[in-house]
Each structure stands twice: as structure tokens, then as C-alpha cells.
Amino acid sequence: MDKKKIKKIAVLTSGGDAPGMNACIRAVVRTALYNNLEVVGVRYGYEGLINGDIINMDAKSVANIIQRGGTILKTSRSKRFMTKAGMETAKQILKKNKVDGVVAIGGDGTFKGALEFSKVCDIPFVGIPGTIDNDLAGTDFTIGYDTAINTVVDAIDRIRDTAESHNRIFFVEVMGRDAGLIALRSGIASGAEDIIIPETKTDIDRLVLKLKKSRKDKSSKIVIVAEGDEAGGAFAIAEDVKEHMPGYDMRVTILGHTQRGGSPSCMDRVNASRLGFAAVNTLLEKRGKVMIGIVDKKIHFTSFENAIKHIQQPYRDLIKMMQVLST
């Protein structure tokens, strides 16, 4: 890595948006300005970098955004960036704009891209975990996760009101194609009867038995399903259960992208601010190819190689606790 002094940095958001990204952008920009650095924003992630979609940023450009969901820099997924031609173009764009370091906010795809890019470009990249799935190694919580699970819990609370009014079984599908951590925590917090996640094998017979054995005086039953479950999602599971329990009224709710939107929680705003602040200071220390997380309430550094390793086994103690408390 070139050890020249850092004078100008860029910040971008890539992949899926997450509540708290704007708070992080704000922290990056204002920390950079405090340290007398120039700072630019790259619009639309890596695709925007290839297209040269770069804007100057100052304190005013990040005013009144800490409470906003989404990302003011926009985001996208770029197939071109993973090609040699795309990376070479991105490299020349960064050098043309005299960028000495980049803060990339996103998930595993963002860090995989940065890792591959580092093989052809010596400009240091520092990653910040921004994904509602919370599936990155090296941080207790990713930006957006806390807001997403609170959004899910609020929705389930509302669904339970109508479920109790009609004696229905509701299957609620939440995001989590590769990781069931949204389903797991929101299911516990909302008192779900069962939680179906991709990390564990789906057993319809067990689920049916549990629903049948649950207290007869319970007027509502909620099952949380992560969208990446092997059984095919909430609709498929509801149909399977219906065959075994034909006398019950079943309903399916897909929460979808409502989980990504909305104003970020206090926790996401504070964590995002901490991570953005730390990212700029890490570049000033001339470090790169690391993701900055928070572990045990302290700033923690993880190589891109380790950060992109998905958490395969969610907290077994939480699963066991849910099974006991849902009886």
C-alpha cells in the first residue's frame, strides 16, 4: 500500500440499502472535514464509480440526514465492477479524482468487491457493515439490523391483533435469504409460536405437532419464516401445514421491503456514527482491506476475507430459549 499522506477520501454505499447508512455517511464526511480532508461521495456504489458519478461533499451536504432511511448517495449492485475492464475503469476514475482512500458501506458483496479490487489498485478501502441481515463476521450488529427487527416486531404485534380476532394461524415471512437472524430475534421479541430459518432443517411434522399441542386457549398463533428457508417460504409452509390441520384458518403475510425502510433507530444511528468516525481515522492510519465493526461495545477490525464468512450457526441458546418460552 502506498504510504503517502491521505488528503482526499471517497465514500460510497453498495448493495442493499439499510437504515442508518445516512448517519454513517454524515459521520464519514464530518470526520473527514474535521481532519482537513477533502471528501467526495460516489453515487450508486461501484456502478457509479465506474461511471464517474462523483460529487463533492461538505458539512451542508449531510445536514438533516441522520434521521432518514435509505442512502442519499443511492446504491446498486454492479456486475461490471467484478470484471477486469470494470475494475480498471474504476481505478482510473479514483486516480483521476486524486482519491487516496475509500470508505465502502455495505454487506458481503461490497467487501468481496473491495477485496478483489485491492489486487489491482493500491488505494486503501475500509469497509463498514451496512446490511439488515446482520450476517457478517466481526461485528455484533450491522447497520440497519436493529431498525429492521423493530420494524418486524411492530408489524407482528399488529398482525397478532387481527389473528386473535379471528382465531387464525399467521405465517409471517421476513427477510433473510442466507441468514435467519432477523427471524430469530423478532420471533422471540414478538412471542412467536415457532421460527423457521435457513440455518436449521425445516421439519413440517414437528411444526404441526407443536401447533397442535400449543395451549387450546391461545386465540392466535404466529409462525415466523425467513425467506431463504429450504421449504420454499411462508406460502409453501402454510400449504403443508394446512394439509395436516384442515380445520384451521391460515393466513400468510410477506413483509418484504418494508423491513428496509423507515427512520433508523437510536442504536443504528449511534453505531453508524461510531463506525463512520472510526473508518476515517483508520484511513488516516493508512490501513486498508479491513471491515470495522463493534464487538463487546468496542471498535473491532476484521479482514475482508474473514468478514464475508457468513454466520452459519445462529445462537443456539436463543433457539432453545424460544422453544421453551413459546410453549
Protein backbone atom coordinates (compact mmCIF):
# COMPACT_ATOMS: atom_id res chain seq x y z
CA MET A 1 0.00 0.00 0.00
CA ASP A 2 1.21 3.47 -0.88
CA LYS A 3 2.21 5.25 2.32
CA LYS A 4 1.61 8.77 1.00
CA LYS A 5 -0.36 11.17 3.16
CA ILE A 6 -4.13 10.87 2.96
CA LYS A 7 -5.58 14.11 1.61
CA LYS A 8 -8.82 13.11 -0.06
CA ILE A 9 -11.28 10.28 0.57
CA ALA A 10 -14.41 8.94 -1.08
CA VAL A 11 -17.46 7.33 0.49
CA LEU A 12 -19.98 5.03 -1.18
CA THR A 13 -22.89 2.75 -0.32
CA SER A 14 -23.30 -0.53 -2.16
CA GLY A 15 -25.72 -3.45 -2.31
CA GLY A 16 -28.98 -3.34 -0.39
CA ASP A 17 -29.83 -0.16 1.48
CA ALA A 18 -30.11 -0.23 5.27
CA PRO A 19 -31.47 2.28 7.80
CA GLY A 20 -28.52 4.12 9.32
CA MET A 21 -26.46 4.44 6.15
CA ASN A 22 -27.14 8.17 6.04
CA ALA A 23 -26.00 8.57 9.63
CA CYS A 24 -22.79 6.77 8.65
CA ILE A 25 -22.24 8.95 5.57
CA ARG A 26 -22.72 12.01 7.77
CA ALA A 27 -20.12 10.78 10.25
CA VAL A 28 -17.60 9.99 7.49
CA VAL A 29 -17.99 13.40 5.85
CA ARG A 30 -17.82 15.44 9.04
CA THR A 31 -14.92 13.46 10.49
CA ALA A 32 -13.01 13.90 7.23
CA LEU A 33 -13.66 17.65 7.23
CA TYR A 34 -12.60 17.91 10.87
CA ASN A 35 -9.28 16.35 9.85
CA ASN A 36 -8.89 18.80 6.95
CA LEU A 37 -9.51 16.15 4.31
CA GLU A 38 -11.37 16.62 1.08
CA VAL A 39 -14.28 14.23 0.74
CA VAL A 40 -16.37 13.14 -2.22
CA GLY A 41 -19.38 10.88 -2.49
CA VAL A 42 -19.74 8.16 -5.11
CA ARG A 43 -23.34 7.80 -6.24
CA TYR A 44 -24.81 4.36 -6.95
CA GLY A 45 -21.95 2.36 -5.43
CA TYR A 46 -19.41 0.57 -7.61
CA GLU A 47 -21.52 1.11 -10.73
CA GLY A 48 -21.39 4.84 -10.12
CA LEU A 49 -17.65 4.62 -9.56
CA ILE A 50 -17.18 3.08 -12.99
CA ASN A 51 -19.41 5.80 -14.47
CA GLY A 52 -17.53 8.56 -12.67
CA ASP A 53 -20.65 9.65 -10.79
CA ILE A 54 -18.77 11.54 -8.08
CA ILE A 55 -19.88 14.61 -6.13
CA ASN A 56 -18.10 16.94 -3.75
CA MET A 57 -19.38 16.82 -0.18
CA ASP A 58 -19.28 19.32 2.65
CA ALA A 59 -20.93 19.73 6.04
CA LYS A 60 -24.08 21.15 4.49
CA SER A 61 -24.46 18.19 2.12
CA VAL A 62 -25.02 15.87 5.09
CA ALA A 63 -27.22 18.21 7.15
CA ASN A 64 -30.58 16.85 8.32
CA ILE A 65 -29.98 13.28 7.12
CA ILE A 66 -29.18 11.40 10.33
CA GLN A 67 -32.85 10.55 10.82
CA ARG A 68 -33.51 9.47 7.23
CA GLY A 69 -33.65 5.88 5.99
CA GLY A 70 -32.12 4.74 2.73
CA THR A 71 -28.97 6.42 1.41
CA ILE A 72 -28.56 9.88 -0.08
CA LEU A 73 -25.72 8.52 -2.22
CA LYS A 74 -28.03 5.89 -3.72
CA THR A 75 -26.90 2.31 -4.15
CA SER A 76 -26.80 -0.51 -6.66
CA ARG A 77 -25.26 -3.88 -7.42
CA SER A 78 -22.64 -3.85 -10.16
CA LYS A 79 -21.70 -6.86 -12.30
CA ARG A 80 -19.32 -4.69 -14.31
CA PHE A 81 -17.21 -3.99 -11.24
CA MET A 82 -16.32 -7.68 -10.98
CA THR A 83 -14.73 -7.66 -14.44
CA LYS A 84 -11.15 -6.67 -15.25
CA ALA A 85 -12.34 -3.89 -17.51
CA GLY A 86 -14.69 -2.53 -14.87
CA MET A 87 -12.04 -2.54 -12.18
CA GLU A 88 -9.51 -0.85 -14.43
CA THR A 89 -12.01 1.90 -15.23
CA ALA A 90 -12.80 2.35 -11.52
CA LYS A 91 -9.09 2.53 -10.74
CA GLN A 92 -8.54 5.27 -13.29
CA ILE A 93 -11.57 7.22 -12.02
CA LEU A 94 -10.20 7.19 -8.47
CA LYS A 95 -6.75 8.27 -9.60
CA LYS A 96 -8.18 10.99 -11.87
CA ASN A 97 -10.09 12.39 -8.88
CA LYS A 98 -6.97 12.11 -6.68
CA VAL A 99 -8.74 9.90 -4.13
CA ASP A 100 -6.36 8.47 -1.51
CA GLY A 101 -8.78 6.20 0.35
CA VAL A 102 -12.33 4.87 0.16
CA VAL A 103 -14.97 4.11 2.79
CA ALA A 104 -17.34 1.44 1.46
CA ILE A 105 -20.62 0.92 3.36
CA GLY A 106 -22.42 -2.34 2.59
CA GLY A 107 -22.51 -6.10 3.05
CA ASP A 108 -20.52 -9.11 1.94
CA GLY A 109 -20.86 -8.31 -1.76
CA THR A 110 -19.41 -4.86 -1.10
CA PHE A 111 -16.43 -6.32 0.73
CA LYS A 112 -15.86 -9.07 -1.82
CA GLY A 113 -15.70 -6.36 -4.46
CA ALA A 114 -13.26 -4.29 -2.40
CA LEU A 115 -11.11 -7.34 -1.76
CA GLU A 116 -10.83 -8.18 -5.46
CA PHE A 117 -10.26 -4.54 -6.34
CA SER A 118 -7.33 -4.36 -3.92
CA LYS A 119 -5.49 -6.83 -6.16
CA VAL A 120 -5.37 -4.29 -8.99
CA CYS A 121 -5.48 -0.98 -7.12
CA ASP A 122 -3.36 0.17 -4.19
CA ILE A 123 -5.86 2.77 -2.95
CA PRO A 124 -6.95 1.54 0.52
CA PHE A 125 -10.57 0.57 1.14
CA VAL A 126 -12.12 0.45 4.61
CA GLY A 127 -15.47 -1.32 4.97
CA ILE A 128 -18.41 -0.52 7.22
CA PRO A 129 -21.05 -3.24 7.73
CA GLY A 130 -24.38 -1.94 6.44
CA THR A 131 -26.95 -4.71 5.99
CA ILE A 132 -30.18 -5.55 7.76
CA ASP A 133 -29.31 -9.27 7.79
CA ASN A 134 -26.59 -8.94 10.48
CA ASP A 135 -24.77 -11.85 8.85
CA LEU A 136 -21.19 -10.55 8.77
CA ALA A 137 -18.45 -11.92 11.00
CA GLY A 138 -16.54 -9.33 13.00
CA THR A 139 -19.34 -7.22 14.45
CA ASP A 140 -22.11 -7.79 16.96
CA PHE A 141 -24.57 -5.71 14.96
CA THR A 142 -24.57 -4.37 11.42
CA ILE A 143 -26.04 -1.00 10.49
CA GLY A 144 -29.78 -1.41 9.87
CA TYR A 145 -30.34 -4.65 11.78
CA ASP A 146 -31.80 -3.07 14.91
CA THR A 147 -34.22 -0.93 12.90
CA ALA A 148 -35.26 -3.90 10.75
CA ILE A 149 -36.10 -6.19 13.65
CA ASN A 150 -38.03 -3.42 15.40
CA THR A 151 -40.00 -2.87 12.19
CA VAL A 152 -40.77 -6.60 12.05
CA VAL A 153 -41.82 -6.74 15.71
CA ASP A 154 -44.15 -3.77 15.23
CA ALA A 155 -45.74 -5.49 12.21
CA ILE A 156 -46.17 -8.79 14.05
CA ASP A 157 -47.79 -7.04 17.01
CA ARG A 158 -50.35 -5.61 14.61
CA ILE A 159 -50.86 -8.95 12.92
CA ARG A 160 -51.47 -10.64 16.25
CA ASP A 161 -54.34 -8.24 16.94
CA THR A 162 -56.22 -9.49 13.90
CA ALA A 163 -55.08 -13.09 14.44
CA GLU A 164 -56.68 -13.07 17.90
CA SER A 165 -59.87 -11.61 16.49
CA HIS A 166 -60.33 -14.49 14.05
CA ASN A 167 -58.55 -17.48 15.64
CA ARG A 168 -56.11 -17.69 12.77
CA ILE A 169 -52.63 -19.09 12.27
CA PHE A 170 -50.42 -16.48 10.62
CA PHE A 171 -47.22 -17.28 8.76
CA VAL A 172 -45.11 -14.12 8.55
CA GLU A 173 -42.23 -14.11 6.07
CA VAL A 174 -39.29 -11.84 6.84
CA MET A 175 -36.05 -11.11 5.02
CA GLY A 176 -33.08 -13.39 5.49
CA ARG A 177 -32.27 -15.35 2.35
CA ASP A 178 -28.96 -16.60 3.73
CA ALA A 179 -29.30 -15.84 7.43
CA GLY A 180 -32.19 -16.16 9.85
CA LEU A 181 -31.13 -13.62 12.45
CA ILE A 182 -33.98 -11.21 11.64
CA ALA A 183 -36.48 -14.04 12.04
CA LEU A 184 -34.85 -15.35 15.21
CA ARG A 185 -34.73 -12.14 17.25
CA SER A 186 -38.02 -10.70 16.01
CA GLY A 187 -39.72 -14.04 16.64
CA ILE A 188 -38.52 -14.12 20.23
CA ALA A 189 -39.49 -10.49 20.82
CA SER A 190 -42.99 -11.00 19.42
CA GLY A 191 -43.71 -14.27 21.20
CA ALA A 192 -43.98 -16.36 18.03
CA GLU A 193 -45.06 -19.99 18.30
CA ASP A 194 -42.21 -21.09 16.03
CA ILE A 195 -39.39 -19.68 13.91
CA ILE A 196 -38.27 -21.22 10.61
CA ILE A 197 -34.75 -20.22 9.49
CA PRO A 198 -32.38 -21.37 6.72
CA GLU A 199 -29.67 -22.47 9.14
CA THR A 200 -31.80 -25.33 10.51
CA LYS A 201 -33.65 -28.08 8.66
CA THR A 202 -37.38 -27.47 8.31
CA ASP A 203 -39.47 -30.23 9.86
CA ILE A 204 -43.14 -29.77 8.95
CA ASP A 205 -44.23 -32.69 11.12
CA ARG A 206 -42.55 -31.13 14.15
CA LEU A 207 -44.12 -27.75 13.38
CA VAL A 208 -47.60 -29.26 13.03
CA LEU A 209 -47.20 -31.19 16.28
CA LYS A 210 -46.10 -28.03 18.08
CA LEU A 211 -49.05 -26.03 16.75
CA LYS A 212 -51.49 -28.79 17.71
CA LYS A 213 -50.01 -29.14 21.20
CA SER A 214 -49.97 -25.42 21.96
CA ARG A 215 -52.44 -24.24 24.57
CA LYS A 216 -56.05 -24.58 23.43
CA ASP A 217 -56.93 -21.21 24.92
CA LYS A 218 -54.44 -19.39 22.72
CA SER A 219 -56.54 -17.42 20.25
CA SER A 220 -53.66 -16.65 17.89
CA LYS A 221 -50.62 -18.47 16.58
CA ILE A 222 -47.75 -16.77 14.76
CA VAL A 223 -45.00 -18.58 12.84
CA ILE A 224 -42.04 -16.54 11.57
CA VAL A 225 -40.40 -17.75 8.36
CA ALA A 226 -37.11 -16.46 6.93
CA GLU A 227 -37.41 -16.05 3.16
CA GLY A 228 -34.41 -18.30 2.49
CA ASP A 229 -35.85 -21.34 4.22
CA GLU A 230 -35.39 -24.61 2.33
CA ALA A 231 -39.12 -25.43 2.45
CA GLY A 232 -39.91 -22.69 -0.06
CA GLY A 233 -41.05 -19.78 2.07
CA ALA A 234 -44.16 -18.90 4.03
CA PHE A 235 -46.74 -19.80 1.36
CA ALA A 236 -45.30 -23.29 0.84
CA ILE A 237 -45.08 -23.97 4.57
CA ALA A 238 -48.62 -22.72 5.16
CA GLU A 239 -49.92 -25.08 2.47
CA ASP A 240 -48.08 -28.03 4.02
CA VAL A 241 -49.43 -27.23 7.47
CA LYS A 242 -52.96 -26.76 6.09
CA GLU A 243 -52.95 -30.37 4.82
CA HIS A 244 -52.33 -31.57 8.37
CA MET A 245 -54.63 -29.03 10.04
CA PRO A 246 -57.55 -28.53 7.60
CA GLY A 247 -59.82 -27.11 10.28
CA TYR A 248 -57.67 -24.04 10.86
CA ASP A 249 -57.81 -20.73 9.03
CA MET A 250 -54.32 -19.93 7.69
CA ARG A 251 -53.01 -16.56 6.55
CA VAL A 252 -49.65 -15.51 5.07
CA THR A 253 -48.06 -12.07 5.31
CA ILE A 254 -44.91 -11.15 3.38
CA LEU A 255 -43.28 -8.13 5.00
CA GLY A 256 -40.81 -7.66 2.14
CA HIS A 257 -39.00 -4.37 1.70
CA THR A 258 -40.91 -2.60 4.47
CA GLN A 259 -38.13 -4.01 6.67
CA ARG A 260 -35.50 -1.91 4.90
CA GLY A 261 -37.27 1.41 5.03
CA GLY A 262 -38.06 3.88 7.74
CA SER A 263 -36.18 6.10 10.11
CA PRO A 264 -33.21 4.36 11.79
CA SER A 265 -33.39 3.51 15.47
CA CYS A 266 -31.26 5.29 18.06
CA MET A 267 -28.97 2.25 18.23
CA ASP A 268 -28.42 2.25 14.46
CA ARG A 269 -27.75 6.00 14.40
CA VAL A 270 -25.17 5.78 17.19
CA ASN A 271 -23.47 2.65 15.84
CA ALA A 272 -23.36 4.09 12.33
CA SER A 273 -21.81 7.29 13.65
CA ARG A 274 -19.18 5.38 15.61
CA LEU A 275 -18.25 3.26 12.61
CA GLY A 276 -18.07 6.22 10.21
CA PHE A 277 -15.86 8.13 12.64
CA ALA A 278 -13.58 5.11 13.08
CA ALA A 279 -13.37 4.47 9.33
CA VAL A 280 -11.87 7.88 8.58
CA ASN A 281 -9.37 7.54 11.40
CA THR A 282 -8.41 4.10 10.09
CA LEU A 283 -7.64 5.56 6.66
CA LEU A 284 -5.59 8.30 8.32
CA GLU A 285 -3.57 5.50 9.91
CA LYS A 286 -3.01 4.22 6.33
CA ARG A 287 -4.78 0.93 6.91
CA GLY A 288 -6.94 -0.82 4.35
CA LYS A 289 -8.68 -4.08 3.44
CA VAL A 290 -10.46 -4.19 6.80
CA MET A 291 -14.05 -4.02 7.94
CA ILE A 292 -14.73 -2.00 11.05
CA GLY A 293 -17.26 -3.48 13.45
CA ILE A 294 -18.31 -3.23 17.06
CA VAL A 295 -17.64 -6.23 19.29
CA ASP A 296 -18.38 -6.10 23.02
CA LYS A 297 -19.07 -2.35 22.66
CA LYS A 298 -15.57 -1.69 21.29
CA ILE A 299 -14.35 -0.90 17.76
CA HIS A 300 -13.08 -4.09 16.16
CA PHE A 301 -11.14 -4.72 12.93
CA THR A 302 -11.71 -7.74 10.70
CA SER A 303 -10.06 -8.53 7.38
CA PHE A 304 -12.36 -8.56 4.37
CA GLU A 305 -11.56 -12.25 3.93
CA ASN A 306 -12.96 -13.08 7.38
CA ALA A 307 -15.80 -10.56 7.38
CA ILE A 308 -17.54 -12.12 4.36
CA LYS A 309 -17.79 -15.52 6.02
CA HIS A 310 -21.48 -15.77 6.85
CA ILE A 311 -22.53 -16.80 10.32
CA GLN A 312 -23.68 -20.36 9.69
CA GLN A 313 -24.87 -21.30 13.16
CA PRO A 314 -27.10 -18.71 14.85
CA TYR A 315 -27.26 -18.52 18.59
CA ARG A 316 -28.32 -21.96 19.77
CA ASP A 317 -29.14 -20.62 23.20
CA LEU A 318 -31.68 -18.24 21.64
CA ILE A 319 -33.30 -21.08 19.70
CA LYS A 320 -33.56 -23.22 22.82
CA MET A 321 -34.98 -20.32 24.82
CA MET A 322 -37.59 -19.62 22.12
CA GLN A 323 -38.71 -23.25 22.16
CA VAL A 324 -39.23 -23.11 25.92
CA LEU A 325 -40.95 -19.73 26.04
CA SER A 326 -43.32 -20.47 23.15
CA THR A 327 -44.95 -23.48 24.85
